[in-house]
Amino acid sequence: MAESELITRPLTAAEQRWLRLIAVRRERFLLAVGPYMMLLVGIVLFGGLWGLTVLATKAEKTGPSWRVSGLIWLGLGIVIGWWAYRDVRPHAHVLQERFRSALRQNTACEIRVRSKMVIQCVNKQDRKKSWYAFQIDDGHVVFISARFSHRLRRFPTSDFSMVDIADEKGRVVAGYVRNHGNPIAVTRTISYHEAAALRVPDHMEIMRGDLKEIDKLLGVHTCR
């Protein structure tokens, strides 16, 4: 029987380890990449300003030499770049606190979907507008954004769970998809041109109706 159910449960030991791992990896990434990003921004921004200064000086035949202007912009670039990099550490600290808050909250929201029929909408120009629609019972359809499907190989499947982990303020910190079933064939693929006449559904939106009437459910309108 096709169905959908919502489960709120404590984090498993594996999920707790996973949260700690991705927290450490993201902090290291921010601290490691930060200096290189500041250097790149400095080269592009202040290098461009230095070049404009040199051109302006040559055009007016007044002002400092290209060496002096280069030293001036280099000094400004180092000061501003270092000031900007100082903001990376507080941001990394805030990120760590969100993961620690999620561990204290110790709650996972798991939505399990079982279905034998699915329709896919493909939008190659904007992946955010691509989605899957599953018939979860005789009278309801649930929509899954394609942005989340990459978390699971061989998607779509007949039985899977969408797991979200939130902090104490209710903000989702991390999430993943867990497979329980077998791959199922897509009964229909809605093209980009067909989708232009349909409303883009929200992720995990549930509507009353039949999957065979998807065009009616999402409100077909005439495109001019």
N, C-alpha and C. Protein backbone atom coordinates (compact mmCIF):
# COMPACT_ATOMS: atom_id res chain seq x y z
N MET A 1 0.84 -1.20 0.00
CA MET A 1 0.00 0.00 0.00
C MET A 1 0.87 1.25 0.00
N ALA A 2 0.59 2.20 -0.87
CA ALA A 2 1.36 3.43 -0.92
C ALA A 2 0.94 4.33 0.23
N GLU A 3 1.93 4.99 0.87
CA GLU A 3 1.60 5.84 2.00
C GLU A 3 2.74 6.78 2.32
N SER A 4 2.48 7.69 3.27
CA SER A 4 3.49 8.61 3.76
C SER A 4 3.29 8.76 5.25
N GLU A 5 4.38 8.79 6.01
CA GLU A 5 4.27 8.95 7.45
C GLU A 5 5.38 9.84 7.97
N LEU A 6 5.06 10.58 9.03
CA LEU A 6 6.01 11.49 9.65
C LEU A 6 6.43 10.92 11.00
N ILE A 7 7.76 10.83 11.21
CA ILE A 7 8.30 10.30 12.47
C ILE A 7 9.26 11.32 13.06
N THR A 8 9.07 11.65 14.33
CA THR A 8 10.01 12.48 15.06
C THR A 8 10.69 11.61 16.10
N ARG A 9 12.00 11.53 16.03
CA ARG A 9 12.74 10.59 16.86
C ARG A 9 14.07 11.19 17.29
N PRO A 10 14.71 10.60 18.30
CA PRO A 10 16.06 11.05 18.70
C PRO A 10 17.09 10.69 17.62
N LEU A 11 18.19 11.39 17.61
CA LEU A 11 19.27 11.08 16.68
C LEU A 11 19.90 9.74 17.02
N THR A 12 20.25 9.01 15.97
CA THR A 12 20.99 7.78 16.20
C THR A 12 22.46 8.10 16.47
N ALA A 13 23.20 7.12 16.98
CA ALA A 13 24.62 7.32 17.24
C ALA A 13 25.37 7.65 15.95
N ALA A 14 24.96 7.02 14.84
CA ALA A 14 25.60 7.28 13.55
C ALA A 14 25.32 8.71 13.09
N GLU A 15 24.09 9.21 13.30
CA GLU A 15 23.76 10.58 12.91
C GLU A 15 24.53 11.60 13.75
N GLN A 16 24.72 11.31 15.02
CA GLN A 16 25.50 12.20 15.88
C GLN A 16 26.96 12.28 15.42
N ARG A 17 27.52 11.13 15.07
CA ARG A 17 28.90 11.12 14.56
C ARG A 17 28.98 11.86 13.24
N TRP A 18 27.98 11.68 12.39
CA TRP A 18 27.95 12.35 11.09
C TRP A 18 27.88 13.87 11.26
N LEU A 19 27.05 14.35 12.19
CA LEU A 19 26.94 15.78 12.45
C LEU A 19 28.28 16.36 12.90
N ARG A 20 28.95 15.66 13.82
CA ARG A 20 30.24 16.15 14.30
C ARG A 20 31.27 16.17 13.17
N LEU A 21 31.21 15.16 12.31
CA LEU A 21 32.17 15.08 11.20
C LEU A 21 31.99 16.22 10.21
N ILE A 22 30.75 16.47 9.78
CA ILE A 22 30.54 17.52 8.79
C ILE A 22 30.78 18.90 9.41
N ALA A 23 30.56 19.02 10.74
CA ALA A 23 30.84 20.29 11.40
C ALA A 23 32.33 20.60 11.34
N VAL A 24 33.15 19.60 11.62
CA VAL A 24 34.60 19.78 11.58
C VAL A 24 35.07 20.05 10.16
N ARG A 25 34.53 19.32 9.19
CA ARG A 25 34.94 19.50 7.80
C ARG A 25 34.58 20.89 7.28
N ARG A 26 33.40 21.38 7.61
CA ARG A 26 33.00 22.70 7.13
C ARG A 26 33.82 23.81 7.79
N GLU A 27 34.13 23.64 9.06
CA GLU A 27 34.96 24.64 9.74
C GLU A 27 36.35 24.68 9.12
N ARG A 28 36.93 23.51 8.89
CA ARG A 28 38.26 23.46 8.27
C ARG A 28 38.24 24.05 6.88
N PHE A 29 37.16 23.80 6.15
CA PHE A 29 37.06 24.33 4.79
C PHE A 29 37.03 25.85 4.83
N LEU A 30 36.22 26.43 5.72
CA LEU A 30 36.13 27.88 5.81
C LEU A 30 37.47 28.51 6.18
N LEU A 31 38.13 27.92 7.17
CA LEU A 31 39.39 28.50 7.63
C LEU A 31 40.51 28.31 6.61
N ALA A 32 40.43 27.20 5.84
CA ALA A 32 41.49 26.93 4.86
C ALA A 32 41.29 27.73 3.58
N VAL A 33 40.04 27.84 3.14
CA VAL A 33 39.76 28.51 1.87
C VAL A 33 39.70 30.03 2.04
N GLY A 34 39.37 30.49 3.24
CA GLY A 34 39.22 31.93 3.48
C GLY A 34 40.37 32.78 2.97
N PRO A 35 41.63 32.47 3.35
CA PRO A 35 42.75 33.30 2.88
C PRO A 35 42.90 33.33 1.37
N TYR A 36 42.68 32.18 0.72
CA TYR A 36 42.80 32.13 -0.73
C TYR A 36 41.70 32.94 -1.41
N MET A 37 40.49 32.91 -0.84
CA MET A 37 39.40 33.69 -1.40
C MET A 37 39.68 35.18 -1.26
N MET A 38 40.20 35.58 -0.09
CA MET A 38 40.54 36.99 0.11
C MET A 38 41.64 37.42 -0.85
N LEU A 39 42.62 36.52 -1.07
CA LEU A 39 43.71 36.84 -2.00
C LEU A 39 43.19 37.02 -3.41
N LEU A 40 42.29 36.12 -3.82
CA LEU A 40 41.72 36.20 -5.17
C LEU A 40 40.91 37.48 -5.35
N VAL A 41 40.08 37.79 -4.35
CA VAL A 41 39.28 39.02 -4.42
C VAL A 41 40.20 40.24 -4.47
N GLY A 42 41.27 40.20 -3.66
CA GLY A 42 42.21 41.32 -3.65
C GLY A 42 42.89 41.52 -4.99
N ILE A 43 43.31 40.41 -5.62
CA ILE A 43 43.98 40.50 -6.92
C ILE A 43 43.05 41.08 -7.98
N VAL A 44 41.82 40.58 -8.00
CA VAL A 44 40.86 41.03 -9.01
C VAL A 44 40.43 42.47 -8.77
N LEU A 45 40.04 42.77 -7.52
CA LEU A 45 39.50 44.09 -7.23
C LEU A 45 40.58 45.18 -7.22
N PHE A 46 41.59 44.98 -6.38
CA PHE A 46 42.60 46.02 -6.25
C PHE A 46 43.56 46.05 -7.43
N GLY A 47 43.76 44.90 -8.07
CA GLY A 47 44.55 44.90 -9.29
C GLY A 47 43.86 45.70 -10.38
N GLY A 48 42.53 45.54 -10.46
CA GLY A 48 41.78 46.32 -11.45
C GLY A 48 41.81 47.80 -11.16
N LEU A 49 41.68 48.16 -9.87
CA LEU A 49 41.73 49.58 -9.50
C LEU A 49 43.12 50.16 -9.76
N TRP A 50 44.14 49.36 -9.52
CA TRP A 50 45.51 49.82 -9.78
C TRP A 50 45.69 50.08 -11.28
N GLY A 51 45.17 49.17 -12.09
CA GLY A 51 45.27 49.35 -13.54
C GLY A 51 44.56 50.60 -14.01
N LEU A 52 43.37 50.88 -13.45
CA LEU A 52 42.64 52.09 -13.82
C LEU A 52 43.41 53.35 -13.38
N THR A 53 44.05 53.25 -12.20
CA THR A 53 44.84 54.39 -11.71
C THR A 53 46.00 54.68 -12.65
N VAL A 54 46.68 53.62 -13.11
CA VAL A 54 47.80 53.79 -14.03
C VAL A 54 47.33 54.42 -15.34
N LEU A 55 46.20 53.95 -15.86
CA LEU A 55 45.67 54.51 -17.11
C LEU A 55 45.30 55.98 -16.95
N ALA A 56 44.69 56.29 -15.80
CA ALA A 56 44.30 57.68 -15.55
C ALA A 56 45.52 58.58 -15.41
N THR A 57 46.55 58.06 -14.75
CA THR A 57 47.78 58.84 -14.58
C THR A 57 48.45 59.11 -15.92
N LYS A 58 48.49 58.11 -16.78
CA LYS A 58 49.10 58.30 -18.10
C LYS A 58 48.30 59.26 -18.95
N ALA A 59 46.99 59.20 -18.82
CA ALA A 59 46.14 60.07 -19.62
C ALA A 59 46.29 61.53 -19.22
N GLU A 60 46.36 61.78 -17.89
CA GLU A 60 46.48 63.16 -17.41
C GLU A 60 47.93 63.61 -17.24
N LYS A 61 48.84 62.63 -17.31
CA LYS A 61 50.27 62.90 -17.16
C LYS A 61 50.61 63.57 -15.82
N THR A 62 49.79 63.29 -14.83
CA THR A 62 50.04 63.77 -13.47
C THR A 62 49.75 62.64 -12.50
N GLY A 63 50.24 62.78 -11.26
CA GLY A 63 49.98 61.77 -10.25
C GLY A 63 51.18 60.88 -10.02
N PRO A 64 51.03 59.92 -9.11
CA PRO A 64 52.15 59.04 -8.76
C PRO A 64 52.49 58.08 -9.88
N SER A 65 53.70 57.54 -9.83
CA SER A 65 54.11 56.55 -10.83
C SER A 65 53.35 55.25 -10.61
N TRP A 66 53.47 54.35 -11.58
CA TRP A 66 52.74 53.08 -11.46
C TRP A 66 53.25 52.26 -10.29
N ARG A 67 54.53 52.41 -9.92
CA ARG A 67 55.06 51.68 -8.78
C ARG A 67 54.46 52.18 -7.47
N VAL A 68 54.40 53.51 -7.35
CA VAL A 68 53.85 54.10 -6.12
C VAL A 68 52.36 53.77 -5.98
N SER A 69 51.61 53.92 -7.06
CA SER A 69 50.17 53.61 -6.99
C SER A 69 49.95 52.13 -6.71
N GLY A 70 50.85 51.29 -7.26
CA GLY A 70 50.75 49.86 -6.99
C GLY A 70 50.95 49.55 -5.53
N LEU A 71 51.94 50.22 -4.90
CA LEU A 71 52.19 50.02 -3.48
C LEU A 71 51.02 50.51 -2.64
N ILE A 72 50.42 51.62 -3.05
CA ILE A 72 49.26 52.16 -2.32
C ILE A 72 48.09 51.18 -2.34
N TRP A 73 47.77 50.69 -3.55
CA TRP A 73 46.65 49.74 -3.66
C TRP A 73 46.97 48.41 -2.99
N LEU A 74 48.24 48.00 -3.03
CA LEU A 74 48.63 46.76 -2.36
C LEU A 74 48.43 46.89 -0.86
N GLY A 75 48.84 48.03 -0.31
CA GLY A 75 48.66 48.25 1.12
C GLY A 75 47.19 48.25 1.51
N LEU A 76 46.37 48.95 0.72
CA LEU A 76 44.93 48.97 0.99
C LEU A 76 44.33 47.57 0.87
N GLY A 77 44.80 46.83 -0.14
CA GLY A 77 44.28 45.47 -0.34
C GLY A 77 44.60 44.56 0.82
N ILE A 78 45.82 44.66 1.36
CA ILE A 78 46.22 43.81 2.49
C ILE A 78 45.39 44.14 3.72
N VAL A 79 45.21 45.43 3.99
CA VAL A 79 44.45 45.84 5.17
C VAL A 79 42.99 45.40 5.08
N ILE A 80 42.35 45.69 3.95
CA ILE A 80 40.94 45.34 3.78
C ILE A 80 40.76 43.83 3.70
N GLY A 81 41.70 43.12 3.02
CA GLY A 81 41.61 41.67 2.92
C GLY A 81 41.74 41.01 4.29
N TRP A 82 42.67 41.50 5.10
CA TRP A 82 42.85 40.94 6.44
C TRP A 82 41.63 41.21 7.32
N TRP A 83 41.06 42.42 7.17
CA TRP A 83 39.87 42.77 7.94
C TRP A 83 38.69 41.86 7.54
N ALA A 84 38.58 41.58 6.25
CA ALA A 84 37.50 40.70 5.79
C ALA A 84 37.72 39.26 6.27
N TYR A 85 38.98 38.81 6.28
CA TYR A 85 39.27 37.45 6.71
C TYR A 85 38.97 37.26 8.19
N ARG A 86 39.09 38.32 8.96
CA ARG A 86 38.78 38.21 10.39
C ARG A 86 37.33 37.82 10.62
N ASP A 87 36.44 38.13 9.66
CA ASP A 87 35.03 37.77 9.80
C ASP A 87 34.79 36.29 9.53
N VAL A 88 35.76 35.60 8.94
CA VAL A 88 35.58 34.17 8.64
C VAL A 88 35.54 33.36 9.92
N ARG A 89 36.40 33.68 10.88
CA ARG A 89 36.45 32.92 12.13
C ARG A 89 35.15 33.02 12.93
N PRO A 90 34.60 34.24 13.12
CA PRO A 90 33.29 34.29 13.80
C PRO A 90 32.21 33.51 13.07
N HIS A 91 32.25 33.55 11.73
CA HIS A 91 31.26 32.80 10.95
C HIS A 91 31.43 31.30 11.18
N ALA A 92 32.66 30.83 11.23
CA ALA A 92 32.92 29.42 11.51
C ALA A 92 32.44 29.05 12.91
N HIS A 93 32.61 29.97 13.86
CA HIS A 93 32.14 29.72 15.24
C HIS A 93 30.62 29.61 15.27
N VAL A 94 29.93 30.50 14.53
CA VAL A 94 28.47 30.45 14.47
C VAL A 94 28.00 29.14 13.86
N LEU A 95 28.68 28.70 12.81
CA LEU A 95 28.34 27.44 12.17
C LEU A 95 28.51 26.27 13.13
N GLN A 96 29.60 26.27 13.89
CA GLN A 96 29.83 25.22 14.88
C GLN A 96 28.74 25.22 15.94
N GLU A 97 28.33 26.40 16.37
CA GLU A 97 27.29 26.49 17.40
C GLU A 97 25.96 25.92 16.90
N ARG A 98 25.66 26.09 15.63
CA ARG A 98 24.43 25.53 15.09
C ARG A 98 24.46 24.00 15.14
N PHE A 99 25.61 23.41 14.84
CA PHE A 99 25.72 21.95 14.91
C PHE A 99 25.65 21.48 16.37
N ARG A 100 26.27 22.23 17.28
CA ARG A 100 26.19 21.86 18.71
C ARG A 100 24.75 21.98 19.21
N SER A 101 24.04 23.00 18.70
CA SER A 101 22.63 23.16 19.07
C SER A 101 21.79 21.99 18.56
N ALA A 102 22.09 21.52 17.35
CA ALA A 102 21.36 20.36 16.80
C ALA A 102 21.63 19.11 17.62
N LEU A 103 22.86 18.96 18.10
CA LEU A 103 23.18 17.80 18.94
C LEU A 103 22.45 17.89 20.28
N ARG A 104 22.33 19.09 20.83
CA ARG A 104 21.59 19.25 22.08
C ARG A 104 20.10 19.00 21.87
N GLN A 105 19.58 19.47 20.73
CA GLN A 105 18.18 19.25 20.41
C GLN A 105 17.88 17.76 20.27
N ASN A 106 18.83 17.03 19.64
CA ASN A 106 18.75 15.57 19.55
C ASN A 106 17.43 15.09 18.94
N THR A 107 17.07 15.71 17.83
CA THR A 107 15.80 15.34 17.19
C THR A 107 15.96 15.27 15.67
N ALA A 108 15.43 14.22 15.10
CA ALA A 108 15.41 14.06 13.65
C ALA A 108 13.96 13.95 13.20
N CYS A 109 13.63 14.68 12.15
CA CYS A 109 12.29 14.61 11.57
C CYS A 109 12.39 13.76 10.30
N GLU A 110 11.77 12.62 10.32
CA GLU A 110 11.86 11.67 9.21
C GLU A 110 10.51 11.48 8.55
N ILE A 111 10.45 11.78 7.27
CA ILE A 111 9.22 11.59 6.49
C ILE A 111 9.46 10.42 5.55
N ARG A 112 8.69 9.37 5.75
CA ARG A 112 8.86 8.17 4.93
C ARG A 112 7.78 8.11 3.86
N VAL A 113 8.20 7.87 2.64
CA VAL A 113 7.29 7.83 1.49
C VAL A 113 7.35 6.47 0.85
N ARG A 114 6.19 5.86 0.70
CA ARG A 114 6.06 4.57 -0.01
C ARG A 114 5.12 4.78 -1.19
N SER A 115 5.58 4.40 -2.37
CA SER A 115 4.76 4.63 -3.55
C SER A 115 5.14 3.65 -4.66
N LYS A 116 4.18 3.42 -5.56
CA LYS A 116 4.43 2.56 -6.71
C LYS A 116 4.28 3.33 -8.02
N MET A 117 3.99 4.62 -7.93
CA MET A 117 3.79 5.44 -9.13
C MET A 117 4.44 6.80 -8.94
N VAL A 118 5.20 7.24 -9.94
CA VAL A 118 5.89 8.52 -9.85
C VAL A 118 5.94 9.20 -11.21
N ILE A 119 5.82 10.53 -11.19
CA ILE A 119 5.95 11.36 -12.38
C ILE A 119 7.12 12.32 -12.15
N GLN A 120 7.89 12.57 -13.19
CA GLN A 120 9.05 13.44 -13.07
C GLN A 120 8.88 14.66 -13.96
N CYS A 121 9.27 15.83 -13.42
CA CYS A 121 9.30 17.06 -14.20
C CYS A 121 10.75 17.48 -14.34
N VAL A 122 11.22 17.61 -15.57
CA VAL A 122 12.63 17.94 -15.82
C VAL A 122 12.73 19.36 -16.35
N ASN A 123 13.50 20.19 -15.64
CA ASN A 123 13.75 21.56 -16.08
C ASN A 123 15.26 21.75 -16.13
N LYS A 124 15.85 21.55 -17.32
CA LYS A 124 17.29 21.62 -17.46
C LYS A 124 17.84 23.04 -17.29
N GLN A 125 16.99 24.03 -17.50
CA GLN A 125 17.43 25.41 -17.36
C GLN A 125 17.49 25.87 -15.91
N ASP A 126 16.66 25.29 -15.07
CA ASP A 126 16.65 25.65 -13.64
C ASP A 126 16.30 24.41 -12.84
N ARG A 127 17.34 23.78 -12.27
CA ARG A 127 17.14 22.53 -11.53
C ARG A 127 16.22 22.71 -10.32
N LYS A 128 16.17 23.93 -9.77
CA LYS A 128 15.32 24.17 -8.62
C LYS A 128 13.84 23.98 -8.94
N LYS A 129 13.51 24.04 -10.23
CA LYS A 129 12.11 23.88 -10.64
C LYS A 129 11.80 22.47 -11.11
N SER A 130 12.76 21.56 -10.98
CA SER A 130 12.52 20.15 -11.31
C SER A 130 11.98 19.45 -10.07
N TRP A 131 11.10 18.48 -10.27
CA TRP A 131 10.50 17.81 -9.12
C TRP A 131 9.98 16.42 -9.50
N TYR A 132 9.65 15.65 -8.46
CA TYR A 132 9.01 14.34 -8.61
C TYR A 132 7.67 14.38 -7.88
N ALA A 133 6.70 13.68 -8.43
CA ALA A 133 5.39 13.57 -7.79
C ALA A 133 5.08 12.09 -7.55
N PHE A 134 4.80 11.73 -6.30
CA PHE A 134 4.52 10.34 -5.92
C PHE A 134 3.07 10.19 -5.48
N GLN A 135 2.42 9.15 -5.97
CA GLN A 135 1.08 8.82 -5.49
C GLN A 135 1.26 8.04 -4.19
N ILE A 136 0.86 8.63 -3.05
CA ILE A 136 1.11 7.97 -1.76
C ILE A 136 -0.09 7.21 -1.24
N ASP A 137 -1.25 7.47 -1.78
CA ASP A 137 -2.43 6.65 -1.51
C ASP A 137 -3.43 6.93 -2.62
N ASP A 138 -4.66 6.44 -2.46
CA ASP A 138 -5.64 6.60 -3.54
C ASP A 138 -6.10 8.05 -3.71
N GLY A 139 -5.80 8.90 -2.74
CA GLY A 139 -6.31 10.26 -2.85
C GLY A 139 -5.32 11.37 -2.61
N HIS A 140 -4.01 11.06 -2.49
CA HIS A 140 -3.03 12.10 -2.20
C HIS A 140 -1.75 11.92 -3.02
N VAL A 141 -1.14 13.07 -3.34
CA VAL A 141 0.12 13.10 -4.09
C VAL A 141 1.10 13.96 -3.30
N VAL A 142 2.36 13.49 -3.19
CA VAL A 142 3.39 14.26 -2.51
C VAL A 142 4.46 14.64 -3.54
N PHE A 143 4.96 15.87 -3.44
CA PHE A 143 5.96 16.38 -4.37
C PHE A 143 7.32 16.48 -3.68
N ILE A 144 8.35 16.01 -4.38
CA ILE A 144 9.72 16.05 -3.87
C ILE A 144 10.57 16.87 -4.83
N SER A 145 11.25 17.90 -4.32
CA SER A 145 12.11 18.72 -5.17
C SER A 145 13.31 17.91 -5.64
N ALA A 146 13.68 18.07 -6.90
CA ALA A 146 14.82 17.33 -7.46
C ALA A 146 16.13 17.74 -6.80
N ARG A 147 16.15 18.90 -6.13
CA ARG A 147 17.37 19.34 -5.43
C ARG A 147 17.78 18.35 -4.35
N PHE A 148 16.80 17.62 -3.80
CA PHE A 148 17.09 16.69 -2.72
C PHE A 148 17.30 15.26 -3.21
N SER A 149 16.94 15.00 -4.46
CA SER A 149 17.03 13.63 -4.97
C SER A 149 18.46 13.18 -5.18
N HIS A 150 19.41 14.13 -5.37
CA HIS A 150 20.80 13.74 -5.61
C HIS A 150 21.43 13.11 -4.38
N ARG A 151 20.77 13.26 -3.22
CA ARG A 151 21.30 12.66 -2.00
C ARG A 151 21.14 11.14 -1.99
N LEU A 152 20.35 10.63 -2.90
CA LEU A 152 20.08 9.20 -2.94
C LEU A 152 20.33 8.66 -4.34
N ARG A 153 21.13 7.63 -4.44
CA ARG A 153 21.39 6.99 -5.73
C ARG A 153 20.17 6.19 -6.16
N ARG A 154 20.05 6.03 -7.45
CA ARG A 154 18.97 5.26 -8.06
C ARG A 154 17.59 5.83 -7.75
N PHE A 155 17.52 7.11 -7.46
CA PHE A 155 16.23 7.76 -7.20
C PHE A 155 15.47 7.91 -8.52
N PRO A 156 14.16 7.70 -8.56
CA PRO A 156 13.26 7.45 -7.42
C PRO A 156 13.15 5.97 -7.07
N THR A 157 12.77 5.71 -5.82
CA THR A 157 12.57 4.34 -5.35
C THR A 157 11.18 4.21 -4.76
N SER A 158 10.79 2.97 -4.51
CA SER A 158 9.44 2.70 -4.02
C SER A 158 9.26 3.00 -2.54
N ASP A 159 10.35 3.16 -1.81
CA ASP A 159 10.27 3.36 -0.36
C ASP A 159 11.52 4.12 0.09
N PHE A 160 11.35 5.36 0.56
CA PHE A 160 12.51 6.13 1.00
C PHE A 160 12.09 7.09 2.11
N SER A 161 13.09 7.62 2.82
CA SER A 161 12.84 8.56 3.91
C SER A 161 13.63 9.85 3.67
N MET A 162 12.98 10.98 3.91
CA MET A 162 13.64 12.29 3.90
C MET A 162 13.89 12.65 5.36
N VAL A 163 15.15 12.76 5.75
CA VAL A 163 15.51 13.02 7.15
C VAL A 163 16.11 14.41 7.27
N ASP A 164 15.52 15.24 8.14
CA ASP A 164 16.03 16.58 8.42
C ASP A 164 16.41 16.67 9.89
N ILE A 165 17.55 17.31 10.16
CA ILE A 165 18.02 17.51 11.53
C ILE A 165 18.09 19.01 11.78
N ALA A 166 17.37 19.50 12.77
CA ALA A 166 17.28 20.93 13.05
C ALA A 166 17.92 21.27 14.38
N ASP A 167 18.25 22.56 14.55
CA ASP A 167 18.82 23.02 15.82
C ASP A 167 17.69 23.41 16.77
N GLU A 168 18.04 24.03 17.89
CA GLU A 168 17.04 24.35 18.91
C GLU A 168 16.09 25.46 18.48
N LYS A 169 16.46 26.21 17.43
CA LYS A 169 15.59 27.26 16.91
C LYS A 169 14.74 26.78 15.73
N GLY A 170 14.84 25.50 15.42
CA GLY A 170 14.05 24.94 14.34
C GLY A 170 14.64 25.09 12.97
N ARG A 171 15.88 25.59 12.86
CA ARG A 171 16.54 25.74 11.56
C ARG A 171 17.19 24.42 11.16
N VAL A 172 16.93 23.97 9.92
CA VAL A 172 17.50 22.72 9.45
C VAL A 172 19.01 22.89 9.26
N VAL A 173 19.78 22.04 9.95
CA VAL A 173 21.24 22.10 9.89
C VAL A 173 21.79 21.12 8.87
N ALA A 174 21.20 19.96 8.78
CA ALA A 174 21.66 18.93 7.85
C ALA A 174 20.50 18.00 7.51
N GLY A 175 20.65 17.29 6.41
CA GLY A 175 19.61 16.35 6.01
C GLY A 175 20.14 15.35 5.01
N TYR A 176 19.44 14.27 4.88
CA TYR A 176 19.84 13.23 3.93
C TYR A 176 18.63 12.39 3.56
N VAL A 177 18.79 11.56 2.56
CA VAL A 177 17.73 10.65 2.11
C VAL A 177 18.19 9.22 2.33
N ARG A 178 17.31 8.42 2.89
CA ARG A 178 17.64 7.01 3.15
C ARG A 178 16.70 6.12 2.34
N ASN A 179 17.27 5.15 1.65
CA ASN A 179 16.49 4.26 0.79
C ASN A 179 16.11 2.98 1.53
N HIS A 180 14.85 2.57 1.34
CA HIS A 180 14.36 1.31 1.92
C HIS A 180 13.82 0.36 0.86
N GLY A 181 13.64 0.86 -0.36
CA GLY A 181 13.00 0.04 -1.38
C GLY A 181 13.82 -0.14 -2.64
N ASN A 182 13.13 -0.42 -3.73
CA ASN A 182 13.77 -0.66 -5.02
C ASN A 182 13.45 0.46 -6.00
N PRO A 183 14.29 0.66 -7.01
CA PRO A 183 14.01 1.69 -8.01
C PRO A 183 12.68 1.42 -8.72
N ILE A 184 11.97 2.49 -9.03
CA ILE A 184 10.72 2.36 -9.78
C ILE A 184 10.81 3.21 -11.04
N ALA A 185 10.12 2.77 -12.07
CA ALA A 185 10.15 3.47 -13.35
C ALA A 185 9.24 4.69 -13.31
N VAL A 186 9.69 5.76 -13.94
CA VAL A 186 8.88 6.97 -14.05
C VAL A 186 7.79 6.75 -15.08
N THR A 187 6.54 6.97 -14.68
CA THR A 187 5.43 6.69 -15.60
C THR A 187 5.24 7.80 -16.64
N ARG A 188 5.72 9.00 -16.31
CA ARG A 188 5.62 10.11 -17.25
C ARG A 188 6.70 11.13 -16.93
N THR A 189 7.28 11.72 -17.97
CA THR A 189 8.25 12.78 -17.78
C THR A 189 7.70 14.06 -18.39
N ILE A 190 7.53 15.07 -17.55
CA ILE A 190 7.01 16.36 -18.00
C ILE A 190 8.18 17.21 -18.49
N SER A 191 8.10 17.64 -19.72
CA SER A 191 9.19 18.42 -20.31
C SER A 191 9.17 19.87 -19.82
N TYR A 192 10.22 20.59 -20.16
CA TYR A 192 10.34 22.00 -19.78
C TYR A 192 9.18 22.82 -20.36
N HIS A 193 8.83 22.55 -21.62
CA HIS A 193 7.76 23.30 -22.27
C HIS A 193 6.40 22.98 -21.64
N GLU A 194 6.18 21.73 -21.27
CA GLU A 194 4.93 21.36 -20.61
C GLU A 194 4.86 21.99 -19.22
N ALA A 195 6.01 22.02 -18.53
CA ALA A 195 6.05 22.54 -17.16
C ALA A 195 5.79 24.04 -17.11
N ALA A 196 6.02 24.73 -18.23
CA ALA A 196 5.80 26.18 -18.28
C ALA A 196 4.35 26.52 -18.00
N ALA A 197 3.45 25.58 -18.23
CA ALA A 197 2.03 25.82 -18.01
C ALA A 197 1.58 25.33 -16.64
N LEU A 198 2.52 24.87 -15.80
CA LEU A 198 2.18 24.32 -14.49
C LEU A 198 2.80 25.14 -13.37
N ARG A 199 2.15 25.14 -12.23
CA ARG A 199 2.70 25.77 -11.04
C ARG A 199 3.80 24.88 -10.47
N VAL A 200 4.91 25.49 -10.03
CA VAL A 200 6.00 24.71 -9.42
C VAL A 200 5.61 24.38 -7.98
N PRO A 201 5.46 23.11 -7.63
CA PRO A 201 5.03 22.75 -6.27
C PRO A 201 6.16 22.96 -5.26
N ASP A 202 5.79 23.12 -4.00
CA ASP A 202 6.77 23.22 -2.92
C ASP A 202 7.31 21.84 -2.57
N HIS A 203 8.52 21.82 -2.01
CA HIS A 203 9.10 20.56 -1.57
C HIS A 203 8.27 19.97 -0.44
N MET A 204 7.93 18.71 -0.53
CA MET A 204 7.12 17.96 0.43
C MET A 204 5.67 18.46 0.50
N GLU A 205 5.23 19.16 -0.54
CA GLU A 205 3.83 19.58 -0.60
C GLU A 205 2.95 18.37 -0.89
N ILE A 206 1.85 18.25 -0.17
CA ILE A 206 0.92 17.14 -0.34
C ILE A 206 -0.41 17.70 -0.84
N MET A 207 -0.90 17.13 -1.91
CA MET A 207 -2.16 17.57 -2.49
C MET A 207 -3.13 16.41 -2.61
N ARG A 208 -4.40 16.72 -2.46
CA ARG A 208 -5.43 15.70 -2.63
C ARG A 208 -5.70 15.54 -4.13
N GLY A 209 -5.64 14.31 -4.61
CA GLY A 209 -5.91 14.09 -6.01
C GLY A 209 -5.23 12.84 -6.55
N ASP A 210 -5.35 12.66 -7.87
CA ASP A 210 -4.80 11.50 -8.56
C ASP A 210 -3.62 11.95 -9.40
N LEU A 211 -2.54 11.16 -9.38
CA LEU A 211 -1.34 11.50 -10.14
C LEU A 211 -1.61 11.58 -11.63
N LYS A 212 -2.60 10.85 -12.11
CA LYS A 212 -2.93 10.86 -13.52
C LYS A 212 -3.52 12.22 -13.95
N GLU A 213 -3.95 13.01 -12.98
CA GLU A 213 -4.52 14.33 -13.27
C GLU A 213 -3.58 15.43 -12.80
N ILE A 214 -2.27 15.21 -12.98
CA ILE A 214 -1.27 16.14 -12.49
C ILE A 214 -1.43 17.53 -13.11
N ASP A 215 -1.82 17.59 -14.39
CA ASP A 215 -2.00 18.88 -15.06
C ASP A 215 -3.11 19.69 -14.39
N LYS A 216 -4.16 19.02 -14.00
CA LYS A 216 -5.28 19.68 -13.33
C LYS A 216 -4.90 20.10 -11.92
N LEU A 217 -4.13 19.26 -11.24
CA LEU A 217 -3.73 19.54 -9.86
C LEU A 217 -2.86 20.79 -9.76
N LEU A 218 -1.96 20.96 -10.72
CA LEU A 218 -1.02 22.08 -10.67
C LEU A 218 -1.49 23.29 -11.47
N GLY A 219 -2.74 23.24 -11.90
CA GLY A 219 -3.35 24.42 -12.50
C GLY A 219 -2.81 24.80 -13.85
N VAL A 220 -3.23 24.12 -14.89
CA VAL A 220 -2.81 24.44 -16.26
C VAL A 220 -3.38 25.80 -16.65
N HIS A 221 -2.55 26.63 -17.26
CA HIS A 221 -3.03 27.89 -17.80
C HIS A 221 -2.47 28.08 -19.20
N THR A 222 -3.10 28.88 -19.98
CA THR A 222 -2.68 29.09 -21.37
C THR A 222 -1.54 30.09 -21.44
N CYS A 223 -0.44 29.70 -22.06
CA CYS A 223 0.72 30.59 -22.21
C CYS A 223 0.58 31.38 -23.49
N ARG A 224 0.78 32.67 -23.44
CA ARG A 224 0.69 33.53 -24.62
C ARG A 224 2.07 33.97 -25.07
